[in-house]
Amino acid sequence: MVSLVLGGLGFLTMAQWTPETASNLKWSFALVGIAWGSILSMPYAMLSGAIPASKMGIGMGVFNMFIVLPQIVAALGGINWAYKTLLGQEVIQTMVLAGCCLIVAGILNLSIRDSEMGPEQ
């Protein structure tokens, strides 16, 4: 939760820097880096504790597919029209949207509860 909120703050602070204060971007990027490190590992750690060992392979595969497919669509330009339509031509607005989404994701972590059933059931 903390790393997501820090990453969100990193994205939000990118919008405040001007060309004269661009050297301060390193602090924004450091906060985003903290979130990135957590984003790469924590979802898999959380999932591995929630699914039975006998279904680990298929569970991780399906989970990974839901991560990779949107990235492929975005990389192929599948969302250019969306952000230009919704956010305008200013690309920095995508960073503000990313920051807001990360902060919301961090807060939503408060709603995650351990299952009463263990992973073997």
PDB file of N, CA and C in Angstrom:
ATOM      1  N   MET A   1       0.819  -1.187   0.000  1.00  0.00           N
ATOM      2  CA  MET A   1       0.000   0.000   0.000  1.00  0.00           C
ATOM      3  C   MET A   1       0.870   1.261   0.000  1.00  0.00           C
ATOM      4  N   VAL A   2       1.857   1.273   0.858  1.00  0.00           N
ATOM      5  CA  VAL A   2       2.717   2.450   0.982  1.00  0.00           C
ATOM      6  C   VAL A   2       3.466   2.723  -0.324  1.00  0.00           C
ATOM      7  N   SER A   3       3.980   1.673  -0.939  1.00  0.00           N
ATOM      8  CA  SER A   3       4.755   1.892  -2.163  1.00  0.00           C
ATOM      9  C   SER A   3       3.866   2.380  -3.308  1.00  0.00           C
ATOM     10  N   LEU A   4       2.613   1.913  -3.370  1.00  0.00           N
ATOM     11  CA  LEU A   4       1.705   2.405  -4.405  1.00  0.00           C
ATOM     12  C   LEU A   4       1.384   3.880  -4.205  1.00  0.00           C
ATOM     13  N   VAL A   5       1.133   4.262  -2.977  1.00  0.00           N
ATOM     14  CA  VAL A   5       0.828   5.671  -2.696  1.00  0.00           C
ATOM     15  C   VAL A   5       2.049   6.545  -2.993  1.00  0.00           C
ATOM     16  N   LEU A   6       3.243   6.077  -2.620  1.00  0.00           N
ATOM     17  CA  LEU A   6       4.451   6.845  -2.931  1.00  0.00           C
ATOM     18  C   LEU A   6       4.639   6.991  -4.437  1.00  0.00           C
ATOM     19  N   GLY A   7       4.392   5.916  -5.172  1.00  0.00           N
ATOM     20  CA  GLY A   7       4.486   5.995  -6.633  1.00  0.00           C
ATOM     21  C   GLY A   7       3.467   6.960  -7.210  1.00  0.00           C
ATOM     22  N   GLY A   8       2.258   6.940  -6.652  1.00  0.00           N
ATOM     23  CA  GLY A   8       1.236   7.889  -7.096  1.00  0.00           C
ATOM     24  C   GLY A   8       1.654   9.328  -6.854  1.00  0.00           C
ATOM     25  N   LEU A   9       2.238   9.575  -5.700  1.00  0.00           N
ATOM     26  CA  LEU A   9       2.739  10.923  -5.410  1.00  0.00           C
ATOM     27  C   LEU A   9       3.866  11.302  -6.363  1.00  0.00           C
ATOM     28  N   GLY A  10       4.693  10.316  -6.713  1.00  0.00           N
ATOM     29  CA  GLY A  10       5.764  10.568  -7.682  1.00  0.00           C
ATOM     30  C   GLY A  10       5.211  11.006  -9.028  1.00  0.00           C
ATOM     31  N   PHE A  11       4.185  10.309  -9.499  1.00  0.00           N
ATOM     32  CA  PHE A  11       3.573  10.698 -10.775  1.00  0.00           C
ATOM     33  C   PHE A  11       2.914  12.063 -10.678  1.00  0.00           C
ATOM     34  N   LEU A  12       2.211  12.317  -9.578  1.00  0.00           N
ATOM     35  CA  LEU A  12       1.534  13.607  -9.425  1.00  0.00           C
ATOM     36  C   LEU A  12       2.520  14.772  -9.370  1.00  0.00           C
ATOM     37  N   THR A  13       3.665  14.564  -8.717  1.00  0.00           N
ATOM     38  CA  THR A  13       4.629  15.670  -8.623  1.00  0.00           C
ATOM     39  C   THR A  13       5.303  15.973  -9.954  1.00  0.00           C
ATOM     40  N   MET A  14       5.257  15.039 -10.902  1.00  0.00           N
ATOM     41  CA  MET A  14       5.848  15.320 -12.216  1.00  0.00           C
ATOM     42  C   MET A  14       5.192  16.519 -12.883  1.00  0.00           C
ATOM     43  N   ALA A  15       3.925  16.732 -12.625  1.00  0.00           N
ATOM     44  CA  ALA A  15       3.199  17.829 -13.258  1.00  0.00           C
ATOM     45  C   ALA A  15       3.606  19.194 -12.721  1.00  0.00           C
ATOM     46  N   GLN A  16       4.243  19.246 -11.571  1.00  0.00           N
ATOM     47  CA  GLN A  16       4.570  20.542 -10.982  1.00  0.00           C
ATOM     48  C   GLN A  16       5.921  21.093 -11.439  1.00  0.00           C
ATOM     49  N   TRP A  17       6.797  20.230 -11.957  1.00  0.00           N
ATOM     50  CA  TRP A  17       8.132  20.692 -12.321  1.00  0.00           C
ATOM     51  C   TRP A  17       8.100  21.466 -13.630  1.00  0.00           C
ATOM     52  N   THR A  18       8.879  22.502 -13.689  1.00  0.00           N
ATOM     53  CA  THR A  18       9.027  23.325 -14.899  1.00  0.00           C
ATOM     54  C   THR A  18      10.382  23.012 -15.514  1.00  0.00           C
ATOM     55  N   PRO A  19      10.647  23.512 -16.724  1.00  0.00           N
ATOM     56  CA  PRO A  19      11.982  23.287 -17.294  1.00  0.00           C
ATOM     57  C   PRO A  19      13.109  23.794 -16.400  1.00  0.00           C
ATOM     58  N   GLU A  20      12.848  24.832 -15.625  1.00  0.00           N
ATOM     59  CA  GLU A  20      13.872  25.372 -14.734  1.00  0.00           C
ATOM     60  C   GLU A  20      14.113  24.464 -13.531  1.00  0.00           C
ATOM     61  N   THR A  21      13.092  23.717 -13.121  1.00  0.00           N
ATOM     62  CA  THR A  21      13.232  22.842 -11.952  1.00  0.00           C
ATOM     63  C   THR A  21      13.243  21.367 -12.357  1.00  0.00           C
ATOM     64  N   ALA A  22      13.558  21.080 -13.602  1.00  0.00           N
ATOM     65  CA  ALA A  22      13.519  19.704 -14.104  1.00  0.00           C
ATOM     66  C   ALA A  22      14.491  18.789 -13.375  1.00  0.00           C
ATOM     67  N   SER A  23      15.533  19.339 -12.769  1.00  0.00           N
ATOM     68  CA  SER A  23      16.469  18.484 -12.027  1.00  0.00           C
ATOM     69  C   SER A  23      15.785  17.824 -10.829  1.00  0.00           C
ATOM     70  N   ASN A  24      14.673  18.380 -10.384  1.00  0.00           N
ATOM     71  CA  ASN A  24      13.934  17.781  -9.271  1.00  0.00           C
ATOM     72  C   ASN A  24      13.132  16.550  -9.680  1.00  0.00           C
ATOM     73  N   LEU A  25      13.064  16.287 -10.987  1.00  0.00           N
ATOM     74  CA  LEU A  25      12.347  15.098 -11.454  1.00  0.00           C
ATOM     75  C   LEU A  25      12.927  13.815 -10.872  1.00  0.00           C
ATOM     76  N   LYS A  26      14.205  13.860 -10.486  1.00  0.00           N
ATOM     77  CA  LYS A  26      14.826  12.655  -9.929  1.00  0.00           C
ATOM     78  C   LYS A  26      14.070  12.170  -8.698  1.00  0.00           C
ATOM     79  N   TRP A  27      13.483  13.099  -7.925  1.00  0.00           N
ATOM     80  CA  TRP A  27      12.727  12.701  -6.740  1.00  0.00           C
ATOM     81  C   TRP A  27      11.410  12.047  -7.139  1.00  0.00           C
ATOM     82  N   SER A  28      10.781  12.579  -8.171  1.00  0.00           N
ATOM     83  CA  SER A  28       9.556  11.961  -8.680  1.00  0.00           C
ATOM     84  C   SER A  28       9.845  10.554  -9.180  1.00  0.00           C
ATOM     85  N   PHE A  29      10.928  10.418  -9.936  1.00  0.00           N
ATOM     86  CA  PHE A  29      11.290   9.109 -10.482  1.00  0.00           C
ATOM     87  C   PHE A  29      11.683   8.131  -9.383  1.00  0.00           C
ATOM     88  N   ALA A  30      12.290   8.614  -8.322  1.00  0.00           N
ATOM     89  CA  ALA A  30      12.641   7.734  -7.208  1.00  0.00           C
ATOM     90  C   ALA A  30      11.378   7.162  -6.560  1.00  0.00           C
ATOM     91  N   LEU A  31      10.358   8.006  -6.393  1.00  0.00           N
ATOM     92  CA  LEU A  31       9.102   7.530  -5.819  1.00  0.00           C
ATOM     93  C   LEU A  31       8.413   6.522  -6.739  1.00  0.00           C
ATOM     94  N   VAL A  32       8.435   6.799  -8.040  1.00  0.00           N
ATOM     95  CA  VAL A  32       7.852   5.858  -9.003  1.00  0.00           C
ATOM     96  C   VAL A  32       8.639   4.548  -8.986  1.00  0.00           C
ATOM     97  N   GLY A  33       9.947   4.613  -8.826  1.00  0.00           N
ATOM     98  CA  GLY A  33      10.771   3.410  -8.759  1.00  0.00           C
ATOM     99  C   GLY A  33      10.439   2.541  -7.570  1.00  0.00           C
ATOM    100  N   ILE A  34      10.126   3.158  -6.448  1.00  0.00           N
ATOM    101  CA  ILE A  34       9.713   2.392  -5.272  1.00  0.00           C
ATOM    102  C   ILE A  34       8.440   1.614  -5.588  1.00  0.00           C
ATOM    103  N   ALA A  35       7.487   2.276  -6.224  1.00  0.00           N
ATOM    104  CA  ALA A  35       6.237   1.600  -6.584  1.00  0.00           C
ATOM    105  C   ALA A  35       6.497   0.501  -7.605  1.00  0.00           C
ATOM    106  N   TRP A  36       7.346   0.765  -8.576  1.00  0.00           N
ATOM    107  CA  TRP A  36       7.627  -0.209  -9.628  1.00  0.00           C
ATOM    108  C   TRP A  36       8.193  -1.497  -9.034  1.00  0.00           C
ATOM    109  N   GLY A  37       9.100  -1.376  -8.095  1.00  0.00           N
ATOM    110  CA  GLY A  37       9.672  -2.563  -7.466  1.00  0.00           C
ATOM    111  C   GLY A  37       8.610  -3.402  -6.772  1.00  0.00           C
ATOM    112  N   SER A  38       7.681  -2.745  -6.142  1.00  0.00           N
ATOM    113  CA  SER A  38       6.604  -3.459  -5.464  1.00  0.00           C
ATOM    114  C   SER A  38       5.622  -4.064  -6.460  1.00  0.00           C
ATOM    115  N   ILE A  39       5.321  -3.326  -7.509  1.00  0.00           N
ATOM    116  CA  ILE A  39       4.361  -3.789  -8.512  1.00  0.00           C
ATOM    117  C   ILE A  39       4.868  -5.044  -9.210  1.00  0.00           C
ATOM    118  N   LEU A  40       6.169  -5.161  -9.371  1.00  0.00           N
ATOM    119  CA  LEU A  40       6.720  -6.322 -10.057  1.00  0.00           C
ATOM    120  C   LEU A  40       6.650  -7.594  -9.229  1.00  0.00           C
ATOM    121  N   SER A  41       6.673  -7.482  -7.923  1.00  0.00           N
ATOM    122  CA  SER A  41       6.770  -8.692  -7.105  1.00  0.00           C
ATOM    123  C   SER A  41       5.554  -8.990  -6.235  1.00  0.00           C
ATOM    124  N   MET A  42       4.964  -8.015  -5.642  1.00  0.00           N
ATOM    125  CA  MET A  42       3.927  -8.256  -4.643  1.00  0.00           C
ATOM    126  C   MET A  42       2.683  -8.962  -5.171  1.00  0.00           C
ATOM    127  N   PRO A  43       2.175  -8.651  -6.366  1.00  0.00           N
ATOM    128  CA  PRO A  43       0.979  -9.375  -6.822  1.00  0.00           C
ATOM    129  C   PRO A  43       1.199 -10.882  -6.899  1.00  0.00           C
ATOM    130  N   TYR A  44       2.370 -11.292  -7.339  1.00  0.00           N
ATOM    131  CA  TYR A  44       2.657 -12.724  -7.436  1.00  0.00           C
ATOM    132  C   TYR A  44       2.799 -13.344  -6.048  1.00  0.00           C
ATOM    133  N   ALA A  45       3.400 -12.629  -5.133  1.00  0.00           N
ATOM    134  CA  ALA A  45       3.537 -13.138  -3.764  1.00  0.00           C
ATOM    135  C   ALA A  45       2.163 -13.282  -3.110  1.00  0.00           C
ATOM    136  N   MET A  46       1.287 -12.315  -3.347  1.00  0.00           N
ATOM    137  CA  MET A  46      -0.054 -12.381  -2.782  1.00  0.00           C
ATOM    138  C   MET A  46      -0.843 -13.534  -3.394  1.00  0.00           C
ATOM    139  N   LEU A  47      -0.715 -13.719  -4.699  1.00  0.00           N
ATOM    140  CA  LEU A  47      -1.445 -14.774  -5.385  1.00  0.00           C
ATOM    141  C   LEU A  47      -0.942 -16.154  -4.971  1.00  0.00           C
ATOM    142  N   SER A  48       0.355 -16.299  -4.838  1.00  0.00           N
ATOM    143  CA  SER A  48       0.911 -17.613  -4.508  1.00  0.00           C
ATOM    144  C   SER A  48       0.439 -18.114  -3.152  1.00  0.00           C
ATOM    145  N   GLY A  49       0.118 -17.217  -2.258  1.00  0.00           N
ATOM    146  CA  GLY A  49      -0.389 -17.622  -0.955  1.00  0.00           C
ATOM    147  C   GLY A  49      -1.886 -17.875  -0.947  1.00  0.00           C
ATOM    148  N   ALA A  50      -2.558 -17.561  -2.058  1.00  0.00           N
ATOM    149  CA  ALA A  50      -4.015 -17.667  -2.085  1.00  0.00           C
ATOM    150  C   ALA A  50      -4.536 -18.810  -2.947  1.00  0.00           C
ATOM    151  N   ILE A  51      -3.660 -19.481  -3.704  1.00  0.00           N
ATOM    152  CA  ILE A  51      -4.136 -20.578  -4.548  1.00  0.00           C
ATOM    153  C   ILE A  51      -3.439 -21.874  -4.157  1.00  0.00           C
ATOM    154  N   PRO A  52      -4.113 -22.991  -4.350  1.00  0.00           N
ATOM    155  CA  PRO A  52      -3.506 -24.276  -3.987  1.00  0.00           C
ATOM    156  C   PRO A  52      -2.272 -24.572  -4.832  1.00  0.00           C
ATOM    157  N   ALA A  53      -1.332 -25.300  -4.243  1.00  0.00           N
ATOM    158  CA  ALA A  53      -0.087 -25.632  -4.946  1.00  0.00           C
ATOM    159  C   ALA A  53      -0.360 -26.442  -6.206  1.00  0.00           C
ATOM    160  N   SER A  54      -1.406 -27.265  -6.189  1.00  0.00           N
ATOM    161  CA  SER A  54      -1.705 -28.093  -7.359  1.00  0.00           C
ATOM    162  C   SER A  54      -2.193 -27.272  -8.549  1.00  0.00           C
ATOM    163  N   LYS A  55      -2.640 -26.041  -8.316  1.00  0.00           N
ATOM    164  CA  LYS A  55      -3.133 -25.176  -9.399  1.00  0.00           C
ATOM    165  C   LYS A  55      -2.271 -23.943  -9.583  1.00  0.00           C
ATOM    166  N   MET A  56      -1.066 -23.973  -9.024  1.00  0.00           N
ATOM    167  CA  MET A  56      -0.181 -22.820  -9.067  1.00  0.00           C
ATOM    168  C   MET A  56       0.176 -22.421 -10.498  1.00  0.00           C
ATOM    169  N   GLY A  57       0.506 -23.381 -11.336  1.00  0.00           N
ATOM    170  CA  GLY A  57       0.925 -23.081 -12.701  1.00  0.00           C
ATOM    171  C   GLY A  57      -0.153 -22.402 -13.513  1.00  0.00           C
ATOM    172  N   ILE A  58      -1.339 -22.965 -13.525  1.00  0.00           N
ATOM    173  CA  ILE A  58      -2.433 -22.378 -14.295  1.00  0.00           C
ATOM    174  C   ILE A  58      -2.857 -21.039 -13.701  1.00  0.00           C
ATOM    175  N   GLY A  59      -2.864 -20.950 -12.368  1.00  0.00           N
ATOM    176  CA  GLY A  59      -3.246 -19.698 -11.719  1.00  0.00           C
ATOM    177  C   GLY A  59      -2.292 -18.564 -12.059  1.00  0.00           C
ATOM    178  N   MET A  60      -0.999 -18.837 -11.981  1.00  0.00           N
ATOM    179  CA  MET A  60      -0.003 -17.815 -12.318  1.00  0.00           C
ATOM    180  C   MET A  60      -0.053 -17.469 -13.803  1.00  0.00           C
ATOM    181  N   GLY A  61      -0.297 -18.465 -14.639  1.00  0.00           N
ATOM    182  CA  GLY A  61      -0.373 -18.216 -16.080  1.00  0.00           C
ATOM    183  C   GLY A  61      -1.528 -17.308 -16.451  1.00  0.00           C
ATOM    184  N   VAL A  62      -2.694 -17.585 -15.904  1.00  0.00           N
ATOM    185  CA  VAL A  62      -3.866 -16.757 -16.182  1.00  0.00           C
ATOM    186  C   VAL A  62      -3.663 -15.356 -15.620  1.00  0.00           C
ATOM    187  N   PHE A  63      -3.135 -15.272 -14.416  1.00  0.00           N
ATOM    188  CA  PHE A  63      -2.871 -13.976 -13.798  1.00  0.00           C
ATOM    189  C   PHE A  63      -1.901 -13.164 -14.664  1.00  0.00           C
ATOM    190  N   ASN A  64      -0.842 -13.803 -15.121  1.00  0.00           N
ATOM    191  CA  ASN A  64       0.145 -13.124 -15.954  1.00  0.00           C
ATOM    192  C   ASN A  64      -0.476 -12.653 -17.269  1.00  0.00           C
ATOM    193  N   MET A  65      -1.395 -13.448 -17.819  1.00  0.00           N
ATOM    194  CA  MET A  65      -2.050 -13.071 -19.067  1.00  0.00           C
ATOM    195  C   MET A  65      -2.832 -11.767 -18.881  1.00  0.00           C
ATOM    196  N   PHE A  66      -3.499 -11.617 -17.735  1.00  0.00           N
ATOM    197  CA  PHE A  66      -4.264 -10.398 -17.489  1.00  0.00           C
ATOM    198  C   PHE A  66      -3.362  -9.187 -17.256  1.00  0.00           C
ATOM    199  N   ILE A  67      -2.105  -9.421 -16.985  1.00  0.00           N
ATOM    200  CA  ILE A  67      -1.152  -8.323 -16.863  1.00  0.00           C
ATOM    201  C   ILE A  67      -0.552  -7.981 -18.221  1.00  0.00           C
ATOM    202  N   VAL A  68      -0.179  -8.991 -18.979  1.00  0.00           N
ATOM    203  CA  VAL A  68       0.558  -8.789 -20.229  1.00  0.00           C
ATOM    204  C   VAL A  68      -0.328  -8.300 -21.372  1.00  0.00           C
ATOM    205  N   LEU A  69      -1.525  -8.823 -21.510  1.00  0.00           N
ATOM    206  CA  LEU A  69      -2.373  -8.430 -22.641  1.00  0.00           C
ATOM    207  C   LEU A  69      -2.672  -6.926 -22.676  1.00  0.00           C
ATOM    208  N   PRO A  70      -3.042  -6.292 -21.562  1.00  0.00           N
ATOM    209  CA  PRO A  70      -3.231  -4.835 -21.633  1.00  0.00           C
ATOM    210  C   PRO A  70      -1.940  -4.082 -21.973  1.00  0.00           C
ATOM    211  N   GLN A  71      -0.796  -4.614 -21.531  1.00  0.00           N
ATOM    212  CA  GLN A  71       0.466  -3.961 -21.866  1.00  0.00           C
ATOM    213  C   GLN A  71       0.734  -4.043 -23.366  1.00  0.00           C
ATOM    214  N   ILE A  72       0.416  -5.168 -23.972  1.00  0.00           N
ATOM    215  CA  ILE A  72       0.606  -5.328 -25.414  1.00  0.00           C
ATOM    216  C   ILE A  72      -0.300  -4.373 -26.174  1.00  0.00           C
ATOM    217  N   VAL A  73      -1.556  -4.282 -25.768  1.00  0.00           N
ATOM    218  CA  VAL A  73      -2.496  -3.366 -26.415  1.00  0.00           C
ATOM    219  C   VAL A  73      -1.993  -1.928 -26.306  1.00  0.00           C
ATOM    220  N   ALA A  74      -1.525  -1.539 -25.125  1.00  0.00           N
ATOM    221  CA  ALA A  74      -1.019  -0.182 -24.927  1.00  0.00           C
ATOM    222  C   ALA A  74       0.228   0.065 -25.770  1.00  0.00           C
ATOM    223  N   ALA A  75       1.125  -0.913 -25.830  1.00  0.00           N
ATOM    224  CA  ALA A  75       2.357  -0.749 -26.591  1.00  0.00           C
ATOM    225  C   ALA A  75       2.092  -0.616 -28.089  1.00  0.00           C
ATOM    226  N   LEU A  76       1.036  -1.233 -28.554  1.00  0.00           N
ATOM    227  CA  LEU A  76       0.690  -1.143 -29.975  1.00  0.00           C
ATOM    228  C   LEU A  76      -0.091   0.124 -30.301  1.00  0.00           C
ATOM    229  N   GLY A  77      -0.270   0.976 -29.326  1.00  0.00           N
ATOM    230  CA  GLY A  77      -0.957   2.247 -29.558  1.00  0.00           C
ATOM    231  C   GLY A  77      -2.457   2.157 -29.410  1.00  0.00           C
ATOM    232  N   GLY A  78      -2.936   1.116 -28.802  1.00  0.00           N
ATOM    233  CA  GLY A  78      -4.369   0.903 -28.680  1.00  0.00           C
ATOM    234  C   GLY A  78      -5.082   1.851 -27.748  1.00  0.00           C
ATOM    235  N   ILE A  79      -4.341   2.674 -27.011  1.00  0.00           N
ATOM    236  CA  ILE A  79      -5.013   3.597 -26.090  1.00  0.00           C
ATOM    237  C   ILE A  79      -4.724   5.064 -26.411  1.00  0.00           C
ATOM    238  N   ASN A  80      -4.006   5.321 -27.494  1.00  0.00           N
ATOM    239  CA  ASN A  80      -3.700   6.714 -27.844  1.00  0.00           C
ATOM    240  C   ASN A  80      -4.960   7.550 -27.987  1.00  0.00           C
ATOM    241  N   TRP A  81      -5.948   7.021 -28.680  1.00  0.00           N
ATOM    242  CA  TRP A  81      -7.184   7.771 -28.883  1.00  0.00           C
ATOM    243  C   TRP A  81      -7.878   8.061 -27.562  1.00  0.00           C
ATOM    244  N   ALA A  82      -7.784   7.123 -26.627  1.00  0.00           N
ATOM    245  CA  ALA A  82      -8.489   7.291 -25.354  1.00  0.00           C
ATOM    246  C   ALA A  82      -7.901   8.442 -24.545  1.00  0.00           C
ATOM    247  N   TYR A  83      -6.578   8.460 -24.402  1.00  0.00           N
ATOM    248  CA  TYR A  83      -6.040   9.528 -23.561  1.00  0.00           C
ATOM    249  C   TYR A  83      -6.105  10.873 -24.264  1.00  0.00           C
ATOM    250  N   LYS A  84      -5.995  10.907 -25.588  1.00  0.00           N
ATOM    251  CA  LYS A  84      -6.123  12.187 -26.285  1.00  0.00           C
ATOM    252  C   LYS A  84      -7.556  12.703 -26.217  1.00  0.00           C
ATOM    253  N   THR A  85      -8.526  11.805 -26.264  1.00  0.00           N
ATOM    254  CA  THR A  85      -9.930  12.203 -26.181  1.00  0.00           C
ATOM    255  C   THR A  85     -10.299  12.634 -24.770  1.00  0.00           C
ATOM    256  N   LEU A  86      -9.857  11.874 -23.790  1.00  0.00           N
ATOM    257  CA  LEU A  86     -10.263  12.142 -22.412  1.00  0.00           C
ATOM    258  C   LEU A  86      -9.401  13.174 -21.700  1.00  0.00           C
ATOM    259  N   LEU A  87      -8.110  13.199 -22.035  1.00  0.00           N
ATOM    260  CA  LEU A  87      -7.186  14.042 -21.278  1.00  0.00           C
ATOM    261  C   LEU A  87      -6.628  15.216 -22.064  1.00  0.00           C
ATOM    262  N   GLY A  88      -6.887  15.274 -23.353  1.00  0.00           N
ATOM    263  CA  GLY A  88      -6.349  16.347 -24.176  1.00  0.00           C
ATOM    264  C   GLY A  88      -4.973  16.008 -24.711  1.00  0.00           C
ATOM    265  N   GLN A  89      -4.326  16.965 -25.311  1.00  0.00           N
ATOM    266  CA  GLN A  89      -3.035  16.749 -25.957  1.00  0.00           C
ATOM    267  C   GLN A  89      -1.856  16.814 -24.999  1.00  0.00           C
ATOM    268  N   GLU A  90      -2.074  17.270 -23.783  1.00  0.00           N
ATOM    269  CA  GLU A  90      -0.988  17.380 -22.822  1.00  0.00           C
ATOM    270  C   GLU A  90      -0.655  16.002 -22.245  1.00  0.00           C
ATOM    271  N   VAL A  91       0.497  15.463 -22.624  1.00  0.00           N
ATOM    272  CA  VAL A  91       0.879  14.121 -22.209  1.00  0.00           C
ATOM    273  C   VAL A  91       1.083  14.036 -20.700  1.00  0.00           C
ATOM    274  N   ILE A  92       1.418  15.137 -20.056  1.00  0.00           N
ATOM    275  CA  ILE A  92       1.624  15.114 -18.607  1.00  0.00           C
ATOM    276  C   ILE A  92       0.344  14.703 -17.880  1.00  0.00           C
ATOM    277  N   GLN A  93      -0.798  14.919 -18.506  1.00  0.00           N
ATOM    278  CA  GLN A  93      -2.059  14.521 -17.878  1.00  0.00           C
ATOM    279  C   GLN A  93      -2.148  13.010 -17.703  1.00  0.00           C
ATOM    280  N   THR A  94      -1.446  12.239 -18.553  1.00  0.00           N
ATOM    281  CA  THR A  94      -1.428  10.791 -18.364  1.00  0.00           C
ATOM    282  C   THR A  94      -0.668  10.430 -17.088  1.00  0.00           C
ATOM    283  N   MET A  95       0.347  11.222 -16.749  1.00  0.00           N
ATOM    284  CA  MET A  95       1.082  10.986 -15.503  1.00  0.00           C
ATOM    285  C   MET A  95       0.204  11.306 -14.306  1.00  0.00           C
ATOM    286  N   VAL A  96      -0.600  12.360 -14.409  1.00  0.00           N
ATOM    287  CA  VAL A  96      -1.523  12.710 -13.331  1.00  0.00           C
ATOM    288  C   VAL A  96      -2.557  11.593 -13.159  1.00  0.00           C
ATOM    289  N   LEU A  97      -3.076  11.077 -14.275  1.00  0.00           N
ATOM    290  CA  LEU A  97      -4.025   9.965 -14.199  1.00  0.00           C
ATOM    291  C   LEU A  97      -3.364   8.738 -13.567  1.00  0.00           C
ATOM    292  N   ALA A  98      -2.129   8.446 -13.962  1.00  0.00           N
ATOM    293  CA  ALA A  98      -1.403   7.305 -13.381  1.00  0.00           C
ATOM    294  C   ALA A  98      -1.226   7.497 -11.878  1.00  0.00           C
ATOM    295  N   GLY A  99      -0.887   8.706 -11.465  1.00  0.00           N
ATOM    296  CA  GLY A  99      -0.722   8.986 -10.041  1.00  0.00           C
ATOM    297  C   GLY A  99      -2.006   8.779  -9.265  1.00  0.00           C
ATOM    298  N   CYS A 100      -3.100   9.269  -9.815  1.00  0.00           N
ATOM    299  CA  CYS A 100      -4.395   9.093  -9.149  1.00  0.00           C
ATOM    300  C   CYS A 100      -4.754   7.606  -9.053  1.00  0.00           C
ATOM    301  N   CYS A 101      -4.513   6.864 -10.126  1.00  0.00           N
ATOM    302  CA  CYS A 101      -4.828   5.431 -10.124  1.00  0.00           C
ATOM    303  C   CYS A 101      -3.981   4.675  -9.099  1.00  0.00           C
ATOM    304  N   LEU A 102      -2.699   5.024  -8.993  1.00  0.00           N
ATOM    305  CA  LEU A 102      -1.850   4.349  -8.018  1.00  0.00           C
ATOM    306  C   LEU A 102      -2.279   4.656  -6.585  1.00  0.00           C
ATOM    307  N   ILE A 103      -2.668   5.875  -6.337  1.00  0.00           N
ATOM    308  CA  ILE A 103      -3.120   6.229  -4.990  1.00  0.00           C
ATOM    309  C   ILE A 103      -4.416   5.494  -4.659  1.00  0.00           C
ATOM    310  N   VAL A 104      -5.343   5.431  -5.611  1.00  0.00           N
ATOM    311  CA  VAL A 104      -6.585   4.683  -5.394  1.00  0.00           C
ATOM    312  C   VAL A 104      -6.265   3.206  -5.157  1.00  0.00           C
ATOM    313  N   ALA A 105      -5.349   2.642  -5.951  1.00  0.00           N
ATOM    314  CA  ALA A 105      -4.965   1.237  -5.765  1.00  0.00           C
ATOM    315  C   ALA A 105      -4.351   1.012  -4.392  1.00  0.00           C
ATOM    316  N   GLY A 106      -3.547   1.940  -3.947  1.00  0.00           N
ATOM    317  CA  GLY A 106      -2.955   1.821  -2.620  1.00  0.00           C
ATOM    318  C   GLY A 106      -4.006   1.838  -1.521  1.00  0.00           C
ATOM    319  N   ILE A 107      -4.958   2.738  -1.647  1.00  0.00           N
ATOM    320  CA  ILE A 107      -6.026   2.822  -0.646  1.00  0.00           C
ATOM    321  C   ILE A 107      -6.891   1.562  -0.686  1.00  0.00           C
ATOM    322  N   LEU A 108      -7.142   1.032  -1.883  1.00  0.00           N
ATOM    323  CA  LEU A 108      -7.959  -0.184  -1.995  1.00  0.00           C
ATOM    324  C   LEU A 108      -7.288  -1.393  -1.349  1.00  0.00           C
ATOM    325  N   ASN A 109      -5.983  -1.331  -1.152  1.00  0.00           N
ATOM    326  CA  ASN A 109      -5.292  -2.416  -0.449  1.00  0.00           C
ATOM    327  C   ASN A 109      -5.820  -2.583   0.963  1.00  0.00           C
ATOM    328  N   LEU A 110      -6.412  -1.552   1.519  1.00  0.00           N
ATOM    329  CA  LEU A 110      -6.987  -1.660   2.859  1.00  0.00           C
ATOM    330  C   LEU A 110      -8.173  -2.629   2.877  1.00  0.00           C
ATOM    331  N   SER A 111      -8.781  -2.874   1.720  1.00  0.00           N
ATOM    332  CA  SER A 111      -9.934  -3.770   1.668  1.00  0.00           C
ATOM    333  C   SER A 111      -9.550  -5.230   1.466  1.00  0.00           C
ATOM    334  N   ILE A 112      -8.266  -5.529   1.276  1.00  0.00           N
ATOM    335  CA  ILE A 112      -7.817  -6.908   1.084  1.00  0.00           C
ATOM    336  C   ILE A 112      -7.807  -7.610   2.427  1.00  0.00           C
ATOM    337  N   ARG A 113      -8.467  -8.747   2.476  1.00  0.00           N
ATOM    338  CA  ARG A 113      -8.527  -9.540   3.698  1.00  0.00           C
ATOM    339  C   ARG A 113      -8.038 -10.943   3.394  1.00  0.00           C
ATOM    340  N   ASP A 114      -7.413 -11.565   4.373  1.00  0.00           N
ATOM    341  CA  ASP A 114      -7.020 -12.957   4.227  1.00  0.00           C
ATOM    342  C   ASP A 114      -8.266 -13.824   4.169  1.00  0.00           C
ATOM    343  N   SER A 115      -8.229 -14.812   3.304  1.00  0.00           N
ATOM    344  CA  SER A 115      -9.322 -15.746   3.191  1.00  0.00           C
ATOM    345  C   SER A 115      -9.379 -16.624   4.447  1.00  0.00           C
ATOM    346  N   GLU A 116     -10.570 -16.973   4.856  1.00  0.00           N
ATOM    347  CA  GLU A 116     -10.684 -17.866   5.999  1.00  0.00           C
ATOM    348  C   GLU A 116     -10.321 -19.283   5.610  1.00  0.00           C
ATOM    349  N   MET A 117     -10.449 -19.594   4.330  1.00  0.00           N
ATOM    350  CA  MET A 117     -10.014 -20.905   3.846  1.00  0.00           C
ATOM    351  C   MET A 117      -8.558 -20.801   3.445  1.00  0.00           C
ATOM    352  N   GLY A 118      -7.794 -21.774   3.804  1.00  0.00           N
ATOM    353  CA  GLY A 118      -6.393 -21.784   3.418  1.00  0.00           C
ATOM    354  C   GLY A 118      -6.230 -22.158   1.962  1.00  0.00           C
ATOM    355  N   PRO A 119      -5.040 -22.018   1.404  1.00  0.00           N
ATOM    356  CA  PRO A 119      -4.833 -22.306  -0.011  1.00  0.00           C
ATOM    357  C   PRO A 119      -5.005 -23.790  -0.357  1.00  0.00           C
ATOM    358  N   GLU A 120      -4.963 -24.671   0.615  1.00  0.00           N
ATOM    359  CA  GLU A 120      -5.077 -26.104   0.319  1.00  0.00           C
ATOM    360  C   GLU A 120      -6.517 -26.573   0.268  1.00  0.00           C
ATOM    361  N   GLN A 121      -7.476 -25.714   0.574  1.00  0.00           N
ATOM    362  CA  GLN A 121      -8.886 -26.142   0.621  1.00  0.00           C
ATOM    363  C   GLN A 121      -9.618 -25.780  -0.634  1.00  0.00           C
TER     364      GLN A 121
END
